[in-house]
Amino acid sequence: MRKGTFIFCMILLFSCGEKKTDLTGNTPLKINDFNQAFKLATLPLTISDTNLKKFTDTVQIGRKALVQFIPDSIVEQIIATKDKKAILHPIVKIEKEEEYYLLLNVQHPTKQEIAVVVFSKKNKYLGYKVVAAFDEQQKNSRMYGKSLTINKEPTFLVAENKIGEDNAASYEKKGWAYSDSIFKLIFFDSNKKPNSSIIINPIDTLPTLNTYSGDYARDSKNFISIRDLSTPNKYQFFLHFEKQNGDCVGELKGLLNFTKNKATYTEKGDPCIIHFTITGNVIAIKEEGNCGNHRNMTCYFNDSYDKKRKRNKKK
């Protein structure tokens, strides 16, 4: 009898120790317990709409659980309060020396999204991004394919391939990486042509009174517009080009500070650097660094444009 009682107590004790973590968020949750819901990733890893299910099994995470570790405003962007039918699943955890990444599957009725949330080693929230979205209607389609490949850095590379009604194949690849406290687009390549031939110049109507202000162009699809700012040496610009019969497109908007006839575009968090030199009525542009997030991978910003004469105002 004593032996039976002892065995019963041991089973009861063991079962209590194996109590599952409540991931609904209805009760206080420790972040280390929350993290254990995510399997440790083995990289490189490729996820697509056809194999996503094997990464997500039956474990679900409540929206209230996220709110305990992530700011409300960010949780609202990952899974909005109004999305009553959306379901959260843990995918994997990626460990790095200074931070770690949690991959979440946000399952909607018509699409599935993959969100990446970054934490410091002290479990402080650092940032997030929805890196991929899979359309459920395109699942298993021979005419369409999309995948997310994660390498050891990690870089999150999204590749989308499509065969049109004319049997022409198109593709688009985007690579994202977390650096300097933000997710940056570090790679972009595509053979897609712009959906519209209309180019909207966002600074077209601004003043052109300063020395270098004006429009420099080869034609309507290859130009740079420079406009006044508060002081004579500071300008804003909009640059657009289309090369290789429109197969390679680049576009950039930013600020310039001229020293004599030279200026350099550089912005914190952007690996792209572009040098501008104006000689007479010609502006020469030279690219430096990685500008693939502003253009296709098969062409560059390097070029020169002639200044156009100002249009006379009608009286």
Foldseek 3Di string as FASTA:
>chain_A
DVVVVVVVVVVVVVVVVVDQDDQQLPDDDDVVSVQVQAAADDPFDKDWPVCQCVQFDPDWHHLNNVVNQDPPVVSCVVPNPPQPQWIKTWGHKYDDDFKIWTWIWTDHPFKIWIKIWIAGPVSHTQDMDGLDMGGPVCPPPPFKTWMWTFGNVGKTKIKIWGQDPVRDIWIWIWIWDDDPSRIDTQAIAIQDFDPDPDDDDPCVPAAQPADLAAKFADDPQFIKGWHDDDDRQKIKMWGWHAPPPRRKIFIDTDMWGDDVQKTWDDDPPDQKIKIWGDDDQKIFIDIDGGPNVGMHPPDDPGDMTGGDDDDDDDD
